[in-house]
Amino acid sequence: MPLLVLAMPDRVAAAAFPPAVRTELAALVDLAGPVAPADAPADARALVTGWGTPRLDGGVLARLPDLDAVFHAAGSVRSIVTAPLFERGVRLTKAAFRPIAERLTRSETLPKWSVTIRPKDPGD
């Protein structure tokens, strides 16, 4: 199973992922943490970040060669996102992004970089 790491402070992980939720997650993935991203196991495939998670800079990403995705369980991703994250093609998402994601169209010739966001329908 892929390794999912709760990469956030203990107090945030305790509030966002109580024991019952962690048990459910552990049935789907290998679960580790909470730890700082710099202390995540090198074979982590995904991080769950939240309030208080430090930036995912080049040094952190170099330690996590298998990292495919970051799930942000907080507000803005501005505090964690860096250019190396995008340059490496790591997928980044958060629950509040779901309504926007439904309106995304990726370019077939530049799938990693070119995205069109369709306007909201007036009925939405």
PDB file of N, CA and C in Angstrom:
ATOM      1  N   MET A   1       0.843  -1.186   0.000  1.00  0.00           N
ATOM      2  CA  MET A   1       0.000   0.000   0.000  1.00  0.00           C
ATOM      3  C   MET A   1       0.884   1.244   0.000  1.00  0.00           C
ATOM      4  N   PRO A   2       0.427   2.323  -0.633  1.00  0.00           N
ATOM      5  CA  PRO A   2       1.211   3.553  -0.627  1.00  0.00           C
ATOM      6  C   PRO A   2       1.284   4.159   0.774  1.00  0.00           C
ATOM      7  N   LEU A   3       2.368   4.881   1.017  1.00  0.00           N
ATOM      8  CA  LEU A   3       2.563   5.510   2.322  1.00  0.00           C
ATOM      9  C   LEU A   3       2.026   6.933   2.302  1.00  0.00           C
ATOM     10  N   LEU A   4       1.068   7.214   3.174  1.00  0.00           N
ATOM     11  CA  LEU A   4       0.477   8.535   3.364  1.00  0.00           C
ATOM     12  C   LEU A   4       0.987   9.065   4.699  1.00  0.00           C
ATOM     13  N   VAL A   5       1.531  10.273   4.684  1.00  0.00           N
ATOM     14  CA  VAL A   5       2.115  10.849   5.892  1.00  0.00           C
ATOM     15  C   VAL A   5       1.340  12.087   6.319  1.00  0.00           C
ATOM     16  N   LEU A   6       0.924  12.106   7.576  1.00  0.00           N
ATOM     17  CA  LEU A   6       0.328  13.308   8.155  1.00  0.00           C
ATOM     18  C   LEU A   6       1.485  14.245   8.472  1.00  0.00           C
ATOM     19  N   ALA A   7       1.688  15.251   7.623  1.00  0.00           N
ATOM     20  CA  ALA A   7       2.830  16.160   7.737  1.00  0.00           C
ATOM     21  C   ALA A   7       2.349  17.487   8.315  1.00  0.00           C
ATOM     22  N   MET A   8       2.107  17.461   9.598  1.00  0.00           N
ATOM     23  CA  MET A   8       1.542  18.625  10.288  1.00  0.00           C
ATOM     24  C   MET A   8       1.846  18.503  11.775  1.00  0.00           C
ATOM     25  N   PRO A   9       1.706  19.606  12.513  1.00  0.00           N
ATOM     26  CA  PRO A   9       1.934  19.533  13.965  1.00  0.00           C
ATOM     27  C   PRO A   9       0.975  18.541  14.639  1.00  0.00           C
ATOM     28  N   ASP A  10       1.423  17.976  15.742  1.00  0.00           N
ATOM     29  CA  ASP A  10       0.619  16.990  16.494  1.00  0.00           C
ATOM     30  C   ASP A  10      -0.772  17.506  16.823  1.00  0.00           C
ATOM     31  N   ARG A  11      -0.866  18.736  17.327  1.00  0.00           N
ATOM     32  CA  ARG A  11      -2.162  19.272  17.756  1.00  0.00           C
ATOM     33  C   ARG A  11      -3.124  19.400  16.576  1.00  0.00           C
ATOM     34  N   VAL A  12      -2.614  19.737  15.403  1.00  0.00           N
ATOM     35  CA  VAL A  12      -3.465  19.857  14.210  1.00  0.00           C
ATOM     36  C   VAL A  12      -3.921  18.468  13.769  1.00  0.00           C
ATOM     37  N   ALA A  13      -3.005  17.520  13.764  1.00  0.00           N
ATOM     38  CA  ALA A  13      -3.354  16.155  13.376  1.00  0.00           C
ATOM     39  C   ALA A  13      -4.390  15.561  14.326  1.00  0.00           C
ATOM     40  N   ALA A  14      -4.242  15.832  15.616  1.00  0.00           N
ATOM     41  CA  ALA A  14      -5.189  15.302  16.601  1.00  0.00           C
ATOM     42  C   ALA A  14      -6.592  15.845  16.367  1.00  0.00           C
ATOM     43  N   ALA A  15      -6.678  17.132  16.004  1.00  0.00           N
ATOM     44  CA  ALA A  15      -7.985  17.743  15.769  1.00  0.00           C
ATOM     45  C   ALA A  15      -8.588  17.313  14.438  1.00  0.00           C
ATOM     46  N   ALA A  16      -7.765  17.219  13.404  1.00  0.00           N
ATOM     47  CA  ALA A  16      -8.278  16.926  12.064  1.00  0.00           C
ATOM     48  C   ALA A  16      -8.448  15.433  11.801  1.00  0.00           C
ATOM     49  N   PHE A  17      -7.654  14.611  12.477  1.00  0.00           N
ATOM     50  CA  PHE A  17      -7.672  13.169  12.223  1.00  0.00           C
ATOM     51  C   PHE A  17      -7.758  12.400  13.532  1.00  0.00           C
ATOM     52  N   PRO A  18      -8.948  12.366  14.147  1.00  0.00           N
ATOM     53  CA  PRO A  18      -9.101  11.606  15.395  1.00  0.00           C
ATOM     54  C   PRO A  18      -8.854  10.119  15.146  1.00  0.00           C
ATOM     55  N   PRO A  19      -8.690   9.336  16.208  1.00  0.00           N
ATOM     56  CA  PRO A  19      -8.353   7.922  16.061  1.00  0.00           C
ATOM     57  C   PRO A  19      -9.250   7.140  15.097  1.00  0.00           C
ATOM     58  N   ALA A  20     -10.538   7.380  15.122  1.00  0.00           N
ATOM     59  CA  ALA A  20     -11.439   6.630  14.227  1.00  0.00           C
ATOM     60  C   ALA A  20     -11.129   6.924  12.759  1.00  0.00           C
ATOM     61  N   VAL A  21     -10.815   8.162  12.448  1.00  0.00           N
ATOM     62  CA  VAL A  21     -10.479   8.529  11.067  1.00  0.00           C
ATOM     63  C   VAL A  21      -9.149   7.905  10.672  1.00  0.00           C
ATOM     64  N   ARG A  22      -8.194   7.917  11.579  1.00  0.00           N
ATOM     65  CA  ARG A  22      -6.889   7.300  11.281  1.00  0.00           C
ATOM     66  C   ARG A  22      -7.042   5.802  11.034  1.00  0.00           C
ATOM     67  N   THR A  23      -7.917   5.164  11.783  1.00  0.00           N
ATOM     68  CA  THR A  23      -8.159   3.738  11.579  1.00  0.00           C
ATOM     69  C   THR A  23      -8.722   3.483  10.185  1.00  0.00           C
ATOM     70  N   GLU A  24      -9.662   4.318   9.763  1.00  0.00           N
ATOM     71  CA  GLU A  24     -10.223   4.182   8.416  1.00  0.00           C
ATOM     72  C   GLU A  24      -9.160   4.400   7.350  1.00  0.00           C
ATOM     73  N   LEU A  25      -8.331   5.416   7.527  1.00  0.00           N
ATOM     74  CA  LEU A  25      -7.258   5.678   6.565  1.00  0.00           C
ATOM     75  C   LEU A  25      -6.274   4.515   6.508  1.00  0.00           C
ATOM     76  N   ALA A  26      -5.932   3.969   7.659  1.00  0.00           N
ATOM     77  CA  ALA A  26      -4.960   2.882   7.724  1.00  0.00           C
ATOM     78  C   ALA A  26      -5.453   1.614   7.027  1.00  0.00           C
ATOM     79  N   ALA A  27      -6.753   1.508   6.820  1.00  0.00           N
ATOM     80  CA  ALA A  27      -7.283   0.368   6.061  1.00  0.00           C
ATOM     81  C   ALA A  27      -7.053   0.543   4.557  1.00  0.00           C
ATOM     82  N   LEU A  28      -6.767   1.777   4.143  1.00  0.00           N
ATOM     83  CA  LEU A  28      -6.606   2.086   2.720  1.00  0.00           C
ATOM     84  C   LEU A  28      -5.161   2.315   2.311  1.00  0.00           C
ATOM     85  N   VAL A  29      -4.346   2.830   3.234  1.00  0.00           N
ATOM     86  CA  VAL A  29      -2.955   3.170   2.945  1.00  0.00           C
ATOM     87  C   VAL A  29      -2.105   2.848   4.166  1.00  0.00           C
ATOM     88  N   ASP A  30      -0.791   2.793   3.970  1.00  0.00           N
ATOM     89  CA  ASP A  30       0.107   2.765   5.117  1.00  0.00           C
ATOM     90  C   ASP A  30       0.142   4.194   5.636  1.00  0.00           C
ATOM     91  N   LEU A  31      -0.095   4.386   6.912  1.00  0.00           N
ATOM     92  CA  LEU A  31      -0.232   5.717   7.490  1.00  0.00           C
ATOM     93  C   LEU A  31       0.904   5.983   8.458  1.00  0.00           C
ATOM     94  N   ALA A  32       1.511   7.173   8.339  1.00  0.00           N
ATOM     95  CA  ALA A  32       2.584   7.574   9.246  1.00  0.00           C
ATOM     96  C   ALA A  32       2.330   9.003   9.716  1.00  0.00           C
ATOM     97  N   GLY A  33       2.986   9.358  10.809  1.00  0.00           N
ATOM     98  CA  GLY A  33       2.889  10.715  11.310  1.00  0.00           C
ATOM     99  C   GLY A  33       1.946  10.802  12.483  1.00  0.00           C
ATOM    100  N   PRO A  34       1.814  11.986  12.983  1.00  0.00           N
ATOM    101  CA  PRO A  34       2.240  13.254  12.407  1.00  0.00           C
ATOM    102  C   PRO A  34       3.734  13.520  12.607  1.00  0.00           C
ATOM    103  N   VAL A  35       4.335  14.078  11.554  1.00  0.00           N
ATOM    104  CA  VAL A  35       5.730  14.497  11.565  1.00  0.00           C
ATOM    105  C   VAL A  35       5.858  15.754  10.712  1.00  0.00           C
ATOM    106  N   ALA A  36       6.955  16.458  10.883  1.00  0.00           N
ATOM    107  CA  ALA A  36       7.266  17.569   9.989  1.00  0.00           C
ATOM    108  C   ALA A  36       7.616  16.989   8.619  1.00  0.00           C
ATOM    109  N   PRO A  37       7.333  17.685   7.529  1.00  0.00           N
ATOM    110  CA  PRO A  37       7.656  17.149   6.205  1.00  0.00           C
ATOM    111  C   PRO A  37       9.120  16.718   6.071  1.00  0.00           C
ATOM    112  N   ALA A  38      10.033  17.469   6.687  1.00  0.00           N
ATOM    113  CA  ALA A  38      11.449  17.127   6.601  1.00  0.00           C
ATOM    114  C   ALA A  38      11.767  15.806   7.292  1.00  0.00           C
ATOM    115  N   ASP A  39      10.885  15.350   8.178  1.00  0.00           N
ATOM    116  CA  ASP A  39      11.088  14.092   8.895  1.00  0.00           C
ATOM    117  C   ASP A  39      10.242  12.945   8.352  1.00  0.00           C
ATOM    118  N   ALA A  40       9.539  13.180   7.256  1.00  0.00           N
ATOM    119  CA  ALA A  40       8.695  12.132   6.665  1.00  0.00           C
ATOM    120  C   ALA A  40       9.572  11.008   6.118  1.00  0.00           C
ATOM    121  N   PRO A  41       9.094   9.773   6.188  1.00  0.00           N
ATOM    122  CA  PRO A  41       9.858   8.668   5.610  1.00  0.00           C
ATOM    123  C   PRO A  41      10.110   8.907   4.119  1.00  0.00           C
ATOM    124  N   ALA A  42      11.288   8.517   3.671  1.00  0.00           N
ATOM    125  CA  ALA A  42      11.699   8.787   2.289  1.00  0.00           C
ATOM    126  C   ALA A  42      10.797   8.130   1.253  1.00  0.00           C
ATOM    127  N   ASP A  43      10.089   7.066   1.632  1.00  0.00           N
ATOM    128  CA  ASP A  43       9.229   6.377   0.661  1.00  0.00           C
ATOM    129  C   ASP A  43       7.787   6.886   0.666  1.00  0.00           C
ATOM    130  N   ALA A  44       7.560   8.049   1.271  1.00  0.00           N
ATOM    131  CA  ALA A  44       6.202   8.626   1.287  1.00  0.00           C
ATOM    132  C   ALA A  44       5.734   8.909  -0.134  1.00  0.00           C
ATOM    133  N   ARG A  45       4.503   8.507  -0.435  1.00  0.00           N
ATOM    134  CA  ARG A  45       3.896   8.788  -1.743  1.00  0.00           C
ATOM    135  C   ARG A  45       3.007  10.014  -1.690  1.00  0.00           C
ATOM    136  N   ALA A  46       2.473  10.337  -0.488  1.00  0.00           N
ATOM    137  CA  ALA A  46       1.578  11.482  -0.351  1.00  0.00           C
ATOM    138  C   ALA A  46       1.724  12.069   1.041  1.00  0.00           C
ATOM    139  N   LEU A  47       1.527  13.394   1.117  1.00  0.00           N
ATOM    140  CA  LEU A  47       1.511  14.102   2.388  1.00  0.00           C
ATOM    141  C   LEU A  47       0.136  14.710   2.583  1.00  0.00           C
ATOM    142  N   VAL A  48      -0.320  14.710   3.830  1.00  0.00           N
ATOM    143  CA  VAL A  48      -1.487  15.500   4.203  1.00  0.00           C
ATOM    144  C   VAL A  48      -0.934  16.635   5.045  1.00  0.00           C
ATOM    145  N   THR A  49      -1.137  17.857   4.576  1.00  0.00           N
ATOM    146  CA  THR A  49      -0.621  19.030   5.270  1.00  0.00           C
ATOM    147  C   THR A  49      -1.775  19.784   5.914  1.00  0.00           C
ATOM    148  N   GLY A  50      -1.439  20.718   6.784  1.00  0.00           N
ATOM    149  CA  GLY A  50      -2.469  21.495   7.457  1.00  0.00           C
ATOM    150  C   GLY A  50      -1.872  22.744   8.045  1.00  0.00           C
ATOM    151  N   TRP A  51      -2.603  23.381   8.951  1.00  0.00           N
ATOM    152  CA  TRP A  51      -2.110  24.581   9.598  1.00  0.00           C
ATOM    153  C   TRP A  51      -0.801  24.275  10.297  1.00  0.00           C
ATOM    154  N   GLY A  52       0.187  25.117  10.099  1.00  0.00           N
ATOM    155  CA  GLY A  52       1.472  24.941  10.765  1.00  0.00           C
ATOM    156  C   GLY A  52       2.469  24.084  10.018  1.00  0.00           C
ATOM    157  N   THR A  53       2.087  23.529   8.879  1.00  0.00           N
ATOM    158  CA  THR A  53       3.041  22.758   8.083  1.00  0.00           C
ATOM    159  C   THR A  53       4.014  23.732   7.426  1.00  0.00           C
ATOM    160  N   PRO A  54       5.327  23.476   7.552  1.00  0.00           N
ATOM    161  CA  PRO A  54       6.289  24.364   6.896  1.00  0.00           C
ATOM    162  C   PRO A  54       6.282  24.194   5.374  1.00  0.00           C
ATOM    163  N   ARG A  55       6.935  25.136   4.695  1.00  0.00           N
ATOM    164  CA  ARG A  55       7.001  25.114   3.230  1.00  0.00           C
ATOM    165  C   ARG A  55       7.613  23.809   2.725  1.00  0.00           C
ATOM    166  N   LEU A  56       7.109  23.347   1.612  1.00  0.00           N
ATOM    167  CA  LEU A  56       7.634  22.141   0.967  1.00  0.00           C
ATOM    168  C   LEU A  56       8.686  22.593  -0.047  1.00  0.00           C
ATOM    169  N   ASP A  57       9.873  22.883   0.466  1.00  0.00           N
ATOM    170  CA  ASP A  57      10.931  23.435  -0.375  1.00  0.00           C
ATOM    171  C   ASP A  57      11.737  22.334  -1.052  1.00  0.00           C
ATOM    172  N   GLY A  58      12.738  22.753  -1.814  1.00  0.00           N
ATOM    173  CA  GLY A  58      13.553  21.800  -2.560  1.00  0.00           C
ATOM    174  C   GLY A  58      14.235  20.776  -1.682  1.00  0.00           C
ATOM    175  N   GLY A  59      14.679  21.189  -0.488  1.00  0.00           N
ATOM    176  CA  GLY A  59      15.329  20.248   0.425  1.00  0.00           C
ATOM    177  C   GLY A  59      14.397  19.150   0.887  1.00  0.00           C
ATOM    178  N   VAL A  60      13.178  19.518   1.235  1.00  0.00           N
ATOM    179  CA  VAL A  60      12.178  18.525   1.653  1.00  0.00           C
ATOM    180  C   VAL A  60      11.866  17.596   0.497  1.00  0.00           C
ATOM    181  N   LEU A  61      11.639  18.172  -0.669  1.00  0.00           N
ATOM    182  CA  LEU A  61      11.281  17.351  -1.834  1.00  0.00           C
ATOM    183  C   LEU A  61      12.415  16.410  -2.243  1.00  0.00           C
ATOM    184  N   ALA A  62      13.652  16.830  -2.081  1.00  0.00           N
ATOM    185  CA  ALA A  62      14.792  15.964  -2.408  1.00  0.00           C
ATOM    186  C   ALA A  62      14.806  14.724  -1.520  1.00  0.00           C
ATOM    187  N   ARG A  63      14.326  14.856  -0.283  1.00  0.00           N
ATOM    188  CA  ARG A  63      14.261  13.718   0.635  1.00  0.00           C
ATOM    189  C   ARG A  63      13.102  12.778   0.342  1.00  0.00           C
ATOM    190  N   LEU A  64      12.146  13.225  -0.491  1.00  0.00           N
ATOM    191  CA  LEU A  64      10.935  12.448  -0.773  1.00  0.00           C
ATOM    192  C   LEU A  64      10.827  12.174  -2.276  1.00  0.00           C
ATOM    193  N   PRO A  65      11.684  11.322  -2.809  1.00  0.00           N
ATOM    194  CA  PRO A  65      11.713  11.112  -4.259  1.00  0.00           C
ATOM    195  C   PRO A  65      10.439  10.492  -4.835  1.00  0.00           C
ATOM    196  N   ASP A  66       9.662   9.777  -4.019  1.00  0.00           N
ATOM    197  CA  ASP A  66       8.447   9.118  -4.503  1.00  0.00           C
ATOM    198  C   ASP A  66       7.184   9.939  -4.306  1.00  0.00           C
ATOM    199  N   LEU A  67       7.319  11.152  -3.778  1.00  0.00           N
ATOM    200  CA  LEU A  67       6.141  11.969  -3.473  1.00  0.00           C
ATOM    201  C   LEU A  67       5.378  12.301  -4.750  1.00  0.00           C
ATOM    202  N   ASP A  68       4.091  11.932  -4.765  1.00  0.00           N
ATOM    203  CA  ASP A  68       3.211  12.165  -5.918  1.00  0.00           C
ATOM    204  C   ASP A  68       2.158  13.224  -5.646  1.00  0.00           C
ATOM    205  N   ALA A  69       1.731  13.353  -4.376  1.00  0.00           N
ATOM    206  CA  ALA A  69       0.573  14.197  -4.088  1.00  0.00           C
ATOM    207  C   ALA A  69       0.667  14.824  -2.708  1.00  0.00           C
ATOM    208  N   VAL A  70       0.064  16.012  -2.614  1.00  0.00           N
ATOM    209  CA  VAL A  70      -0.074  16.712  -1.341  1.00  0.00           C
ATOM    210  C   VAL A  70      -1.548  17.073  -1.197  1.00  0.00           C
ATOM    211  N   PHE A  71      -2.144  16.657  -0.096  1.00  0.00           N
ATOM    212  CA  PHE A  71      -3.534  16.967   0.222  1.00  0.00           C
ATOM    213  C   PHE A  71      -3.511  17.983   1.351  1.00  0.00           C
ATOM    214  N   HIS A  72      -3.994  19.181   1.089  1.00  0.00           N
ATOM    215  CA  HIS A  72      -3.941  20.237   2.098  1.00  0.00           C
ATOM    216  C   HIS A  72      -5.272  20.309   2.832  1.00  0.00           C
ATOM    217  N   ALA A  73      -5.224  20.076   4.147  1.00  0.00           N
ATOM    218  CA  ALA A  73      -6.429  20.045   4.976  1.00  0.00           C
ATOM    219  C   ALA A  73      -6.549  21.337   5.768  1.00  0.00           C
ATOM    220  N   ALA A  74      -6.424  22.458   5.082  1.00  0.00           N
ATOM    221  CA  ALA A  74      -6.520  23.761   5.744  1.00  0.00           C
ATOM    222  C   ALA A  74      -6.962  24.790   4.712  1.00  0.00           C
ATOM    223  N   GLY A  75      -6.712  26.049   4.993  1.00  0.00           N
ATOM    224  CA  GLY A  75      -7.113  27.134   4.092  1.00  0.00           C
ATOM    225  C   GLY A  75      -6.202  27.224   2.887  1.00  0.00           C
ATOM    226  N   SER A  76      -5.576  28.367   2.724  1.00  0.00           N
ATOM    227  CA  SER A  76      -4.725  28.628   1.570  1.00  0.00           C
ATOM    228  C   SER A  76      -3.501  27.716   1.553  1.00  0.00           C
ATOM    229  N   VAL A  77      -3.089  27.337   0.355  1.00  0.00           N
ATOM    230  CA  VAL A  77      -1.875  26.540   0.187  1.00  0.00           C
ATOM    231  C   VAL A  77      -0.637  27.430   0.074  1.00  0.00           C
ATOM    232  N   ARG A  78      -0.840  28.728   0.080  1.00  0.00           N
ATOM    233  CA  ARG A  78       0.263  29.684  -0.130  1.00  0.00           C
ATOM    234  C   ARG A  78       1.440  29.436   0.814  1.00  0.00           C
ATOM    235  N   SER A  79       1.175  29.043   2.036  1.00  0.00           N
ATOM    236  CA  SER A  79       2.257  28.889   3.018  1.00  0.00           C
ATOM    237  C   SER A  79       3.116  27.645   2.797  1.00  0.00           C
ATOM    238  N   ILE A  80       2.656  26.702   2.000  1.00  0.00           N
ATOM    239  CA  ILE A  80       3.435  25.469   1.805  1.00  0.00           C
ATOM    240  C   ILE A  80       3.988  25.311   0.395  1.00  0.00           C
ATOM    241  N   VAL A  81       3.399  25.988  -0.577  1.00  0.00           N
ATOM    242  CA  VAL A  81       3.753  25.779  -1.982  1.00  0.00           C
ATOM    243  C   VAL A  81       5.053  26.487  -2.345  1.00  0.00           C
ATOM    244  N   THR A  82       5.884  25.800  -3.121  1.00  0.00           N
ATOM    245  CA  THR A  82       7.117  26.370  -3.654  1.00  0.00           C
ATOM    246  C   THR A  82       7.238  25.979  -5.125  1.00  0.00           C
ATOM    247  N   ALA A  83       8.087  26.675  -5.839  1.00  0.00           N
ATOM    248  CA  ALA A  83       8.303  26.358  -7.258  1.00  0.00           C
ATOM    249  C   ALA A  83       8.761  24.911  -7.458  1.00  0.00           C
ATOM    250  N   PRO A  84       9.689  24.386  -6.629  1.00  0.00           N
ATOM    251  CA  PRO A  84      10.103  22.993  -6.844  1.00  0.00           C
ATOM    252  C   PRO A  84       8.945  21.984  -6.780  1.00  0.00           C
ATOM    253  N   LEU A  85       7.930  22.292  -5.992  1.00  0.00           N
ATOM    254  CA  LEU A  85       6.771  21.403  -5.897  1.00  0.00           C
ATOM    255  C   LEU A  85       6.098  21.272  -7.268  1.00  0.00           C
ATOM    256  N   PHE A  86       5.884  22.413  -7.925  1.00  0.00           N
ATOM    257  CA  PHE A  86       5.257  22.390  -9.251  1.00  0.00           C
ATOM    258  C   PHE A  86       6.199  21.862 -10.309  1.00  0.00           C
ATOM    259  N   GLU A  87       7.478  22.231 -10.229  1.00  0.00           N
ATOM    260  CA  GLU A  87       8.456  21.776 -11.221  1.00  0.00           C
ATOM    261  C   GLU A  87       8.563  20.263 -11.240  1.00  0.00           C
ATOM    262  N   ARG A  88       8.375  19.657 -10.089  1.00  0.00           N
ATOM    263  CA  ARG A  88       8.432  18.195 -10.001  1.00  0.00           C
ATOM    264  C   ARG A  88       7.136  17.524 -10.424  1.00  0.00           C
ATOM    265  N   GLY A  89       6.081  18.307 -10.561  1.00  0.00           N
ATOM    266  CA  GLY A  89       4.818  17.731 -10.996  1.00  0.00           C
ATOM    267  C   GLY A  89       4.018  17.075  -9.886  1.00  0.00           C
ATOM    268  N   VAL A  90       4.310  17.415  -8.628  1.00  0.00           N
ATOM    269  CA  VAL A  90       3.549  16.861  -7.516  1.00  0.00           C
ATOM    270  C   VAL A  90       2.142  17.451  -7.564  1.00  0.00           C
ATOM    271  N   ARG A  91       1.140  16.580  -7.475  1.00  0.00           N
ATOM    272  CA  ARG A  91      -0.255  17.038  -7.476  1.00  0.00           C
ATOM    273  C   ARG A  91      -0.602  17.634  -6.124  1.00  0.00           C
ATOM    274  N   LEU A  92      -1.331  18.740  -6.161  1.00  0.00           N
ATOM    275  CA  LEU A  92      -1.713  19.450  -4.951  1.00  0.00           C
ATOM    276  C   LEU A  92      -3.214  19.667  -4.969  1.00  0.00           C
ATOM    277  N   THR A  93      -3.871  19.329  -3.865  1.00  0.00           N
ATOM    278  CA  THR A  93      -5.313  19.510  -3.812  1.00  0.00           C
ATOM    279  C   THR A  93      -5.751  19.824  -2.387  1.00  0.00           C
ATOM    280  N   LYS A  94      -6.953  20.337  -2.286  1.00  0.00           N
ATOM    281  CA  LYS A  94      -7.580  20.533  -0.981  1.00  0.00           C
ATOM    282  C   LYS A  94      -9.085  20.436  -1.190  1.00  0.00           C
ATOM    283  N   ALA A  95      -9.809  20.119  -0.149  1.00  0.00           N
ATOM    284  CA  ALA A  95     -11.250  19.897  -0.268  1.00  0.00           C
ATOM    285  C   ALA A  95     -11.968  21.118  -0.833  1.00  0.00           C
ATOM    286  N   ALA A  96     -11.564  22.312  -0.429  1.00  0.00           N
ATOM    287  CA  ALA A  96     -12.236  23.523  -0.903  1.00  0.00           C
ATOM    288  C   ALA A  96     -12.008  23.755  -2.390  1.00  0.00           C
ATOM    289  N   PHE A  97     -11.041  23.048  -2.966  1.00  0.00           N
ATOM    290  CA  PHE A  97     -10.727  23.207  -4.385  1.00  0.00           C
ATOM    291  C   PHE A  97     -11.683  22.409  -5.277  1.00  0.00           C
ATOM    292  N   ARG A  98     -12.407  21.463  -4.707  1.00  0.00           N
ATOM    293  CA  ARG A  98     -13.265  20.573  -5.488  1.00  0.00           C
ATOM    294  C   ARG A  98     -14.203  21.310  -6.445  1.00  0.00           C
ATOM    295  N   PRO A  99     -14.923  22.376  -6.029  1.00  0.00           N
ATOM    296  CA  PRO A  99     -15.820  23.059  -6.976  1.00  0.00           C
ATOM    297  C   PRO A  99     -15.071  23.688  -8.154  1.00  0.00           C
ATOM    298  N   ILE A 100     -13.845  24.121  -7.919  1.00  0.00           N
ATOM    299  CA  ILE A 100     -13.053  24.689  -9.013  1.00  0.00           C
ATOM    300  C   ILE A 100     -12.540  23.571  -9.911  1.00  0.00           C
ATOM    301  N   ALA A 101     -12.091  22.482  -9.317  1.00  0.00           N
ATOM    302  CA  ALA A 101     -11.538  21.377 -10.092  1.00  0.00           C
ATOM    303  C   ALA A 101     -12.543  20.834 -11.098  1.00  0.00           C
ATOM    304  N   GLU A 102     -13.802  20.880 -10.751  1.00  0.00           N
ATOM    305  CA  GLU A 102     -14.832  20.389 -11.670  1.00  0.00           C
ATOM    306  C   GLU A 102     -14.933  21.241 -12.917  1.00  0.00           C
ATOM    307  N   ARG A 103     -14.394  22.459 -12.878  1.00  0.00           N
ATOM    308  CA  ARG A 103     -14.460  23.358 -14.029  1.00  0.00           C
ATOM    309  C   ARG A 103     -13.137  23.450 -14.782  1.00  0.00           C
ATOM    310  N   LEU A 104     -12.167  22.610 -14.438  1.00  0.00           N
ATOM    311  CA  LEU A 104     -10.855  22.658 -15.083  1.00  0.00           C
ATOM    312  C   LEU A 104     -10.823  21.844 -16.366  1.00  0.00           C
ATOM    313  N   THR A 105     -10.125  22.374 -17.340  1.00  0.00           N
ATOM    314  CA  THR A 105      -9.837  21.652 -18.569  1.00  0.00           C
ATOM    315  C   THR A 105      -8.339  21.763 -18.809  1.00  0.00           C
ATOM    316  N   ARG A 106      -7.667  20.649 -18.918  1.00  0.00           N
ATOM    317  CA  ARG A 106      -6.221  20.662 -19.150  1.00  0.00           C
ATOM    318  C   ARG A 106      -5.927  20.643 -20.646  1.00  0.00           C
ATOM    319  N   SER A 107      -4.891  21.358 -21.020  1.00  0.00           N
ATOM    320  CA  SER A 107      -4.433  21.351 -22.404  1.00  0.00           C
ATOM    321  C   SER A 107      -3.903  19.968 -22.752  1.00  0.00           C
ATOM    322  N   GLU A 108      -4.235  19.460 -23.929  1.00  0.00           N
ATOM    323  CA  GLU A 108      -3.732  18.151 -24.343  1.00  0.00           C
ATOM    324  C   GLU A 108      -2.258  18.218 -24.711  1.00  0.00           C
ATOM    325  N   THR A 109      -1.787  19.384 -25.138  1.00  0.00           N
ATOM    326  CA  THR A 109      -0.388  19.502 -25.536  1.00  0.00           C
ATOM    327  C   THR A 109       0.525  19.893 -24.376  1.00  0.00           C
ATOM    328  N   LEU A 110      -0.022  20.540 -23.361  1.00  0.00           N
ATOM    329  CA  LEU A 110       0.748  20.933 -22.176  1.00  0.00           C
ATOM    330  C   LEU A 110      -0.018  20.532 -20.913  1.00  0.00           C
ATOM    331  N   PRO A 111      -0.253  19.238 -20.699  1.00  0.00           N
ATOM    332  CA  PRO A 111      -1.142  18.819 -19.616  1.00  0.00           C
ATOM    333  C   PRO A 111      -0.679  19.221 -18.218  1.00  0.00           C
ATOM    334  N   LYS A 112       0.616  19.388 -18.018  1.00  0.00           N
ATOM    335  CA  LYS A 112       1.120  19.690 -16.694  1.00  0.00           C
ATOM    336  C   LYS A 112       0.993  21.172 -16.336  1.00  0.00           C
ATOM    337  N   TRP A 113       1.020  22.034 -17.338  1.00  0.00           N
ATOM    338  CA  TRP A 113       1.135  23.453 -17.066  1.00  0.00           C
ATOM    339  C   TRP A 113      -0.043  24.295 -17.520  1.00  0.00           C
ATOM    340  N   SER A 114      -0.744  23.885 -18.552  1.00  0.00           N
ATOM    341  CA  SER A 114      -1.786  24.731 -19.118  1.00  0.00           C
ATOM    342  C   SER A 114      -3.162  24.262 -18.664  1.00  0.00           C
ATOM    343  N   VAL A 115      -3.839  25.106 -17.907  1.00  0.00           N
ATOM    344  CA  VAL A 115      -5.163  24.774 -17.389  1.00  0.00           C
ATOM    345  C   VAL A 115      -6.104  25.928 -17.689  1.00  0.00           C
ATOM    346  N   THR A 116      -7.297  25.593 -18.160  1.00  0.00           N
ATOM    347  CA  THR A 116      -8.337  26.586 -18.364  1.00  0.00           C
ATOM    348  C   THR A 116      -9.407  26.355 -17.309  1.00  0.00           C
ATOM    349  N   ILE A 117      -9.804  27.424 -16.631  1.00  0.00           N
ATOM    350  CA  ILE A 117     -10.889  27.320 -15.649  1.00  0.00           C
ATOM    351  C   ILE A 117     -12.120  27.942 -16.286  1.00  0.00           C
ATOM    352  N   ARG A 118     -13.131  27.099 -16.523  1.00  0.00           N
ATOM    353  CA  ARG A 118     -14.381  27.591 -17.102  1.00  0.00           C
ATOM    354  C   ARG A 118     -15.134  28.418 -16.073  1.00  0.00           C
ATOM    355  N   PRO A 119     -15.811  29.474 -16.501  1.00  0.00           N
ATOM    356  CA  PRO A 119     -16.603  30.274 -15.551  1.00  0.00           C
ATOM    357  C   PRO A 119     -17.712  29.438 -14.931  1.00  0.00           C
ATOM    358  N   LYS A 120     -18.141  29.835 -13.752  1.00  0.00           N
ATOM    359  CA  LYS A 120     -19.266  29.162 -13.098  1.00  0.00           C
ATOM    360  C   LYS A 120     -20.527  29.368 -13.920  1.00  0.00           C
ATOM    361  N   ASP A 121     -21.362  28.359 -13.966  1.00  0.00           N
ATOM    362  CA  ASP A 121     -22.659  28.506 -14.591  1.00  0.00           C
ATOM    363  C   ASP A 121     -23.511  29.370 -13.679  1.00  0.00           C
ATOM    364  N   PRO A 122     -24.353  30.240 -14.243  1.00  0.00           N
ATOM    365  CA  PRO A 122     -25.192  31.097 -13.401  1.00  0.00           C
ATOM    366  C   PRO A 122     -26.088  30.310 -12.435  1.00  0.00           C
ATOM    367  N   GLY A 123     -26.414  29.073 -12.756  1.00  0.00           N
ATOM    368  CA  GLY A 123     -27.268  28.263 -11.895  1.00  0.00           C
ATOM    369  C   GLY A 123     -26.546  27.633 -10.716  1.00  0.00           C
ATOM    370  N   ASP A 124     -25.193  27.724 -10.682  1.00  0.00           N
ATOM    371  CA  ASP A 124     -24.416  27.095  -9.595  1.00  0.00           C
ATOM    372  C   ASP A 124     -24.450  27.910  -8.329  1.00  0.00           C
TER     373      ASP A 124
END
